[in-house]
């Protein structure tokens, strides 16, 4: 398998995952206070939404790369 096919498959998989899940979340440490032996930190949950057009676009571009690669061979 060459690099183009791997990239095309990765785009298709990423596009499908983007459509299925619609986004992802992560935890971010926002503040940290140190008062002698006492330490306090605040963890904030951030959510990133993946637009519908981005998922569809990744699938279309990945499919286009596969079609172009098959015609080249």
PDB file of N, CA and C in Angstrom:
ATOM      1  N   UNK A   1       0.843  -1.174   0.000  1.00  0.00           N
ATOM      2  CA  UNK A   1       0.000   0.000   0.000  1.00  0.00           C
ATOM      3  C   UNK A   1       0.892   1.242   0.000  1.00  0.00           C
ATOM      4  N   UNK A   2       0.592   2.183  -0.858  1.00  0.00           N
ATOM      5  CA  UNK A   2       1.424   3.380  -0.904  1.00  0.00           C
ATOM      6  C   UNK A   2       0.831   4.490  -0.032  1.00  0.00           C
ATOM      7  N   UNK A   3       1.514   5.600   0.012  1.00  0.00           N
ATOM      8  CA  UNK A   3       1.159   6.693   0.919  1.00  0.00           C
ATOM      9  C   UNK A   3      -0.189   7.304   0.558  1.00  0.00           C
ATOM     10  N   UNK A   4      -0.495   7.398  -0.721  1.00  0.00           N
ATOM     11  CA  UNK A   4      -1.756   8.007  -1.142  1.00  0.00           C
ATOM     12  C   UNK A   4      -2.952   7.194  -0.677  1.00  0.00           C
ATOM     13  N   UNK A   5      -2.869   5.880  -0.800  1.00  0.00           N
ATOM     14  CA  UNK A   5      -3.974   5.032  -0.349  1.00  0.00           C
ATOM     15  C   UNK A   5      -4.141   5.091   1.161  1.00  0.00           C
ATOM     16  N   UNK A   6      -3.033   5.136   1.885  1.00  0.00           N
ATOM     17  CA  UNK A   6      -3.109   5.224   3.342  1.00  0.00           C
ATOM     18  C   UNK A   6      -3.738   6.556   3.761  1.00  0.00           C
ATOM     19  N   UNK A   7      -3.334   7.648   3.111  1.00  0.00           N
ATOM     20  CA  UNK A   7      -3.897   8.960   3.420  1.00  0.00           C
ATOM     21  C   UNK A   7      -5.388   9.006   3.085  1.00  0.00           C
ATOM     22  N   UNK A   8      -5.769   8.401   1.959  1.00  0.00           N
ATOM     23  CA  UNK A   8      -7.177   8.375   1.567  1.00  0.00           C
ATOM     24  C   UNK A   8      -8.007   7.588   2.576  1.00  0.00           C
ATOM     25  N   UNK A   9      -7.508   6.448   3.003  1.00  0.00           N
ATOM     26  CA  UNK A   9      -8.243   5.647   3.991  1.00  0.00           C
ATOM     27  C   UNK A   9      -8.336   6.377   5.332  1.00  0.00           C
ATOM     28  N   UNK A  10      -7.267   7.076   5.722  1.00  0.00           N
ATOM     29  CA  UNK A  10      -7.292   7.834   6.973  1.00  0.00           C
ATOM     30  C   UNK A  10      -8.326   8.959   6.906  1.00  0.00           C
ATOM     31  N   UNK A  11      -8.419   9.641   5.760  1.00  0.00           N
ATOM     32  CA  UNK A  11      -9.426  10.695   5.604  1.00  0.00           C
ATOM     33  C   UNK A  11     -10.834  10.141   5.659  1.00  0.00           C
ATOM     34  N   UNK A  12     -11.058   9.009   5.014  1.00  0.00           N
ATOM     35  CA  UNK A  12     -12.388   8.404   5.026  1.00  0.00           C
ATOM     36  C   UNK A  12     -12.773   7.981   6.443  1.00  0.00           C
ATOM     37  N   UNK A  13     -11.863   7.353   7.154  1.00  0.00           N
ATOM     38  CA  UNK A  13     -12.146   6.920   8.527  1.00  0.00           C
ATOM     39  C   UNK A  13     -12.379   8.125   9.435  1.00  0.00           C
ATOM     40  N   UNK A  14     -11.548   9.164   9.296  1.00  0.00           N
ATOM     41  CA  UNK A  14     -11.728  10.366  10.111  1.00  0.00           C
ATOM     42  C   UNK A  14     -13.068  11.042   9.808  1.00  0.00           C
ATOM     43  N   UNK A  15     -13.458  11.078   8.548  1.00  0.00           N
ATOM     44  CA  UNK A  15     -14.743  11.665   8.169  1.00  0.00           C
ATOM     45  C   UNK A  15     -15.914  10.897   8.743  1.00  0.00           C
ATOM     46  N   UNK A  16     -15.841   9.566   8.696  1.00  0.00           N
ATOM     47  CA  UNK A  16     -16.920   8.740   9.258  1.00  0.00           C
ATOM     48  C   UNK A  16     -17.002   8.939  10.768  1.00  0.00           C
ATOM     49  N   UNK A  17     -15.852   8.951  11.440  1.00  0.00           N
ATOM     50  CA  UNK A  17     -15.853   9.176  12.893  1.00  0.00           C
ATOM     51  C   UNK A  17     -16.397  10.562  13.239  1.00  0.00           C
ATOM     52  N   UNK A  18     -16.064  11.556  12.427  1.00  0.00           N
ATOM     53  CA  UNK A  18     -16.586  12.900  12.653  1.00  0.00           C
ATOM     54  C   UNK A  18     -18.095  12.963  12.509  1.00  0.00           C
ATOM     55  N   UNK A  19     -18.634  12.223  11.552  1.00  0.00           N
ATOM     56  CA  UNK A  19     -20.085  12.198  11.369  1.00  0.00           C
ATOM     57  C   UNK A  19     -20.782  11.425  12.484  1.00  0.00           C
ATOM     58  N   UNK A  20     -20.181  10.328  12.906  1.00  0.00           N
ATOM     59  CA  UNK A  20     -20.815   9.495  13.935  1.00  0.00           C
ATOM     60  C   UNK A  20     -20.795  10.179  15.299  1.00  0.00           C
ATOM     61  N   UNK A  21     -19.643  10.692  15.707  1.00  0.00           N
ATOM     62  CA  UNK A  21     -19.518  11.260  17.050  1.00  0.00           C
ATOM     63  C   UNK A  21     -19.847  12.754  17.102  1.00  0.00           C
ATOM     64  N   UNK A  22     -19.606  13.493  16.059  1.00  0.00           N
ATOM     65  CA  UNK A  22     -19.952  14.901  16.025  1.00  0.00           C
ATOM     66  C   UNK A  22     -19.028  15.810  16.810  1.00  0.00           C
ATOM     67  N   UNK A  23     -18.046  15.273  17.491  1.00  0.00           N
ATOM     68  CA  UNK A  23     -17.119  16.091  18.259  1.00  0.00           C
ATOM     69  C   UNK A  23     -16.399  15.256  19.297  1.00  0.00           C
ATOM     70  N   UNK A  24     -15.547  15.917  20.065  1.00  0.00           N
ATOM     71  CA  UNK A  24     -14.837  15.236  21.138  1.00  0.00           C
ATOM     72  C   UNK A  24     -14.617  16.219  22.277  1.00  0.00           C
ATOM     73  N   UNK A  25     -14.304  15.692  23.442  1.00  0.00           N
ATOM     74  CA  UNK A  25     -14.065  16.550  24.592  1.00  0.00           C
ATOM     75  C   UNK A  25     -12.745  16.166  25.252  1.00  0.00           C
ATOM     76  N   UNK A  26     -12.186  17.134  25.967  1.00  0.00           N
ATOM     77  CA  UNK A  26     -10.935  16.906  26.681  1.00  0.00           C
ATOM     78  C   UNK A  26     -10.960  17.741  27.964  1.00  0.00           C
ATOM     79  N   UNK A  27     -10.094  17.389  28.900  1.00  0.00           N
ATOM     80  CA  UNK A  27     -10.017  18.093  30.169  1.00  0.00           C
ATOM     81  C   UNK A  27      -8.770  18.977  30.182  1.00  0.00           C
ATOM     82  N   UNK A  28      -8.950  20.207  30.640  1.00  0.00           N
ATOM     83  CA  UNK A  28      -7.866  21.194  30.621  1.00  0.00           C
ATOM     84  C   UNK A  28      -7.680  21.745  32.038  1.00  0.00           C
ATOM     85  N   UNK A  29      -6.441  21.780  32.501  1.00  0.00           N
ATOM     86  CA  UNK A  29      -6.133  22.421  33.777  1.00  0.00           C
ATOM     87  C   UNK A  29      -6.081  23.925  33.542  1.00  0.00           C
ATOM     88  N   UNK A  30      -6.943  24.676  34.232  1.00  0.00           N
ATOM     89  CA  UNK A  30      -7.011  26.110  33.969  1.00  0.00           C
ATOM     90  C   UNK A  30      -6.286  26.951  35.010  1.00  0.00           C
ATOM     91  N   UNK A  31      -6.368  26.592  36.269  1.00  0.00           N
ATOM     92  CA  UNK A  31      -5.736  27.398  37.301  1.00  0.00           C
ATOM     93  C   UNK A  31      -5.028  26.492  38.287  1.00  0.00           C
ATOM     94  N   UNK A  32      -3.956  26.993  38.852  1.00  0.00           N
ATOM     95  CA  UNK A  32      -3.252  26.241  39.877  1.00  0.00           C
ATOM     96  C   UNK A  32      -2.779  27.227  40.941  1.00  0.00           C
ATOM     97  N   UNK A  33      -3.130  26.941  42.194  1.00  0.00           N
ATOM     98  CA  UNK A  33      -2.763  27.805  43.311  1.00  0.00           C
ATOM     99  C   UNK A  33      -1.914  26.999  44.280  1.00  0.00           C
ATOM    100  N   UNK A  34      -0.786  27.566  44.696  1.00  0.00           N
ATOM    101  CA  UNK A  34       0.071  26.914  45.679  1.00  0.00           C
ATOM    102  C   UNK A  34       0.184  27.830  46.892  1.00  0.00           C
ATOM    103  N   UNK A  35      -0.338  27.374  48.004  1.00  0.00           N
ATOM    104  CA  UNK A  35      -0.241  28.108  49.262  1.00  0.00           C
ATOM    105  C   UNK A  35       0.467  27.216  50.268  1.00  0.00           C
ATOM    106  N   UNK A  36       1.763  27.290  50.277  1.00  0.00           N
ATOM    107  CA  UNK A  36       2.534  26.428  51.173  1.00  0.00           C
ATOM    108  C   UNK A  36       2.387  24.981  50.748  1.00  0.00           C
ATOM    109  N   UNK A  37       1.963  24.128  51.690  1.00  0.00           N
ATOM    110  CA  UNK A  37       1.810  22.708  51.358  1.00  0.00           C
ATOM    111  C   UNK A  37       0.493  22.388  50.624  1.00  0.00           C
ATOM    112  N   UNK A  38      -0.377  23.382  50.499  1.00  0.00           N
ATOM    113  CA  UNK A  38      -1.688  23.161  49.878  1.00  0.00           C
ATOM    114  C   UNK A  38      -1.619  23.569  48.406  1.00  0.00           C
ATOM    115  N   UNK A  39      -2.061  22.660  47.538  1.00  0.00           N
ATOM    116  CA  UNK A  39      -2.137  22.949  46.109  1.00  0.00           C
ATOM    117  C   UNK A  39      -3.564  22.748  45.636  1.00  0.00           C
ATOM    118  N   UNK A  40      -4.036  23.688  44.832  1.00  0.00           N
ATOM    119  CA  UNK A  40      -5.388  23.586  44.271  1.00  0.00           C
ATOM    120  C   UNK A  40      -5.310  23.790  42.767  1.00  0.00           C
ATOM    121  N   UNK A  41      -6.069  23.011  42.040  1.00  0.00           N
ATOM    122  CA  UNK A  41      -6.150  23.204  40.596  1.00  0.00           C
ATOM    123  C   UNK A  41      -7.590  22.976  40.159  1.00  0.00           C
ATOM    124  N   UNK A  42      -7.950  23.637  39.082  1.00  0.00           N
ATOM    125  CA  UNK A  42      -9.301  23.532  38.529  1.00  0.00           C
ATOM    126  C   UNK A  42      -9.191  22.851  37.173  1.00  0.00           C
ATOM    127  N   UNK A  43      -9.973  21.815  36.986  1.00  0.00           N
ATOM    128  CA  UNK A  43     -10.003  21.125  35.695  1.00  0.00           C
ATOM    129  C   UNK A  43     -11.303  21.493  34.994  1.00  0.00           C
ATOM    130  N   UNK A  44     -11.155  21.931  33.767  1.00  0.00           N
ATOM    131  CA  UNK A  44     -12.297  22.373  32.991  1.00  0.00           C
ATOM    132  C   UNK A  44     -12.466  21.461  31.781  1.00  0.00           C
ATOM    133  N   UNK A  45     -13.686  21.010  31.551  1.00  0.00           N
ATOM    134  CA  UNK A  45     -13.958  20.129  30.417  1.00  0.00           C
ATOM    135  C   UNK A  45     -14.294  20.985  29.195  1.00  0.00           C
ATOM    136  N   UNK A  46     -13.540  20.797  28.130  1.00  0.00           N
ATOM    137  CA  UNK A  46     -13.741  21.522  26.877  1.00  0.00           C
ATOM    138  C   UNK A  46     -14.332  20.569  25.840  1.00  0.00           C
ATOM    139  N   UNK A  47     -15.242  21.077  25.025  1.00  0.00           N
ATOM    140  CA  UNK A  47     -15.852  20.274  23.965  1.00  0.00           C
ATOM    141  C   UNK A  47     -15.582  20.930  22.619  1.00  0.00           C
ATOM    142  N   UNK A  48     -15.138  20.126  21.655  1.00  0.00           N
ATOM    143  CA  UNK A  48     -14.890  20.600  20.294  1.00  0.00           C
ATOM    144  C   UNK A  48     -15.894  19.908  19.380  1.00  0.00           C
ATOM    145  N   UNK A  49     -16.710  20.712  18.706  1.00  0.00           N
ATOM    146  CA  UNK A  49     -17.686  20.159  17.772  1.00  0.00           C
ATOM    147  C   UNK A  49     -17.088  20.117  16.372  1.00  0.00           C
ATOM    148  N   UNK A  50     -17.290  19.003  15.687  1.00  0.00           N
ATOM    149  CA  UNK A  50     -16.812  18.847  14.315  1.00  0.00           C
ATOM    150  C   UNK A  50     -17.993  19.128  13.385  1.00  0.00           C
ATOM    151  N   UNK A  51     -17.865  20.128  12.514  1.00  0.00           N
ATOM    152  CA  UNK A  51     -18.978  20.458  11.625  1.00  0.00           C
ATOM    153  C   UNK A  51     -19.299  19.317  10.652  1.00  0.00           C
ATOM    154  N   UNK A  52     -20.550  19.261  10.264  1.00  0.00           N
ATOM    155  CA  UNK A  52     -21.008  18.234   9.335  1.00  0.00           C
ATOM    156  C   UNK A  52     -20.252  18.317   8.012  1.00  0.00           C
ATOM    157  N   UNK A  53     -20.024  19.544   7.539  1.00  0.00           N
ATOM    158  CA  UNK A  53     -19.350  19.708   6.251  1.00  0.00           C
ATOM    159  C   UNK A  53     -17.918  19.193   6.289  1.00  0.00           C
ATOM    160  N   UNK A  54     -17.271  19.252   7.449  1.00  0.00           N
ATOM    161  CA  UNK A  54     -15.894  18.766   7.549  1.00  0.00           C
ATOM    162  C   UNK A  54     -15.846  17.240   7.420  1.00  0.00           C
ATOM    163  N   UNK A  55     -16.796  16.551   8.059  1.00  0.00           N
ATOM    164  CA  UNK A  55     -16.846  15.089   7.950  1.00  0.00           C
ATOM    165  C   UNK A  55     -17.153  14.638   6.534  1.00  0.00           C
ATOM    166  N   UNK A  56     -18.131  15.272   5.920  1.00  0.00           N
ATOM    167  CA  UNK A  56     -18.488  14.916   4.544  1.00  0.00           C
ATOM    168  C   UNK A  56     -17.345  15.253   3.595  1.00  0.00           C
ATOM    169  N   UNK A  57     -16.706  16.395   3.806  1.00  0.00           N
ATOM    170  CA  UNK A  57     -15.584  16.794   2.958  1.00  0.00           C
ATOM    171  C   UNK A  57     -14.420  15.822   3.045  1.00  0.00           C
ATOM    172  N   UNK A  58     -14.124  15.340   4.249  1.00  0.00           N
ATOM    173  CA  UNK A  58     -13.030  14.378   4.411  1.00  0.00           C
ATOM    174  C   UNK A  58     -13.341  13.073   3.673  1.00  0.00           C
ATOM    175  N   UNK A  59     -14.592  12.638   3.743  1.00  0.00           N
ATOM    176  CA  UNK A  59     -14.985  11.408   3.042  1.00  0.00           C
ATOM    177  C   UNK A  59     -14.876  11.596   1.529  1.00  0.00           C
ATOM    178  N   UNK A  60     -15.340  12.735   1.022  1.00  0.00           N
ATOM    179  CA  UNK A  60     -15.306  12.996  -0.418  1.00  0.00           C
ATOM    180  C   UNK A  60     -13.860  13.100  -0.915  1.00  0.00           C
ATOM    181  N   UNK A  61     -13.016  13.818  -0.180  1.00  0.00           N
ATOM    182  CA  UNK A  61     -11.614  13.955  -0.590  1.00  0.00           C
ATOM    183  C   UNK A  61     -10.901  12.603  -0.534  1.00  0.00           C
ATOM    184  N   UNK A  62     -11.154  11.814   0.508  1.00  0.00           N
ATOM    185  CA  UNK A  62     -10.550  10.484   0.600  1.00  0.00           C
ATOM    186  C   UNK A  62     -11.000   9.577  -0.531  1.00  0.00           C
ATOM    187  N   UNK A  63     -12.286   9.618  -0.853  1.00  0.00           N
ATOM    188  CA  UNK A  63     -12.783   8.824  -1.979  1.00  0.00           C
ATOM    189  C   UNK A  63     -12.193   9.275  -3.295  1.00  0.00           C
ATOM    190  N   UNK A  64     -12.050  10.593  -3.462  1.00  0.00           N
ATOM    191  CA  UNK A  64     -11.442  11.115  -4.681  1.00  0.00           C
ATOM    192  C   UNK A  64      -9.996  10.679  -4.827  1.00  0.00           C
ATOM    193  N   UNK A  65      -9.261  10.673  -3.716  1.00  0.00           N
ATOM    194  CA  UNK A  65      -7.874  10.200  -3.770  1.00  0.00           C
ATOM    195  C   UNK A  65      -7.798   8.724  -4.157  1.00  0.00           C
ATOM    196  N   UNK A  66      -8.716   7.918  -3.633  1.00  0.00           N
ATOM    197  CA  UNK A  66      -8.721   6.493  -4.000  1.00  0.00           C
ATOM    198  C   UNK A  66      -9.023   6.304  -5.479  1.00  0.00           C
ATOM    199  N   UNK A  67      -9.983   7.081  -6.002  1.00  0.00           N
ATOM    200  CA  UNK A  67     -10.336   6.959  -7.410  1.00  0.00           C
ATOM    201  C   UNK A  67      -9.167   7.404  -8.290  1.00  0.00           C
ATOM    202  N   UNK A  68      -8.534   8.511  -7.950  1.00  0.00           N
ATOM    203  CA  UNK A  68      -7.388   8.988  -8.730  1.00  0.00           C
ATOM    204  C   UNK A  68      -6.225   7.995  -8.678  1.00  0.00           C
ATOM    205  N   UNK A  69      -6.009   7.395  -7.538  1.00  0.00           N
ATOM    206  CA  UNK A  69      -4.917   6.416  -7.389  1.00  0.00           C
ATOM    207  C   UNK A  69      -5.208   5.170  -8.238  1.00  0.00           C
ATOM    208  N   UNK A  70      -6.465   4.731  -8.271  1.00  0.00           N
ATOM    209  CA  UNK A  70      -6.785   3.520  -9.046  1.00  0.00           C
ATOM    210  C   UNK A  70      -6.674   3.801 -10.554  1.00  0.00           C
ATOM    211  N   UNK A  71      -6.993   5.020 -10.993  1.00  0.00           N
ATOM    212  CA  UNK A  71      -6.845   5.350 -12.412  1.00  0.00           C
ATOM    213  C   UNK A  71      -5.392   5.485 -12.819  1.00  0.00           C
ATOM    214  N   UNK A  72      -4.560   5.912 -11.882  1.00  0.00           N
ATOM    215  CA  UNK A  72      -3.137   6.089 -12.178  1.00  0.00           C
ATOM    216  C   UNK A  72      -2.457   4.741 -12.387  1.00  0.00           C
ATOM    217  N   UNK A  73      -2.880   3.720 -11.675  1.00  0.00           N
ATOM    218  CA  UNK A  73      -2.235   2.402 -11.756  1.00  0.00           C
ATOM    219  C   UNK A  73      -2.637   1.614 -12.966  1.00  0.00           C
TER     220      UNK A  73
END
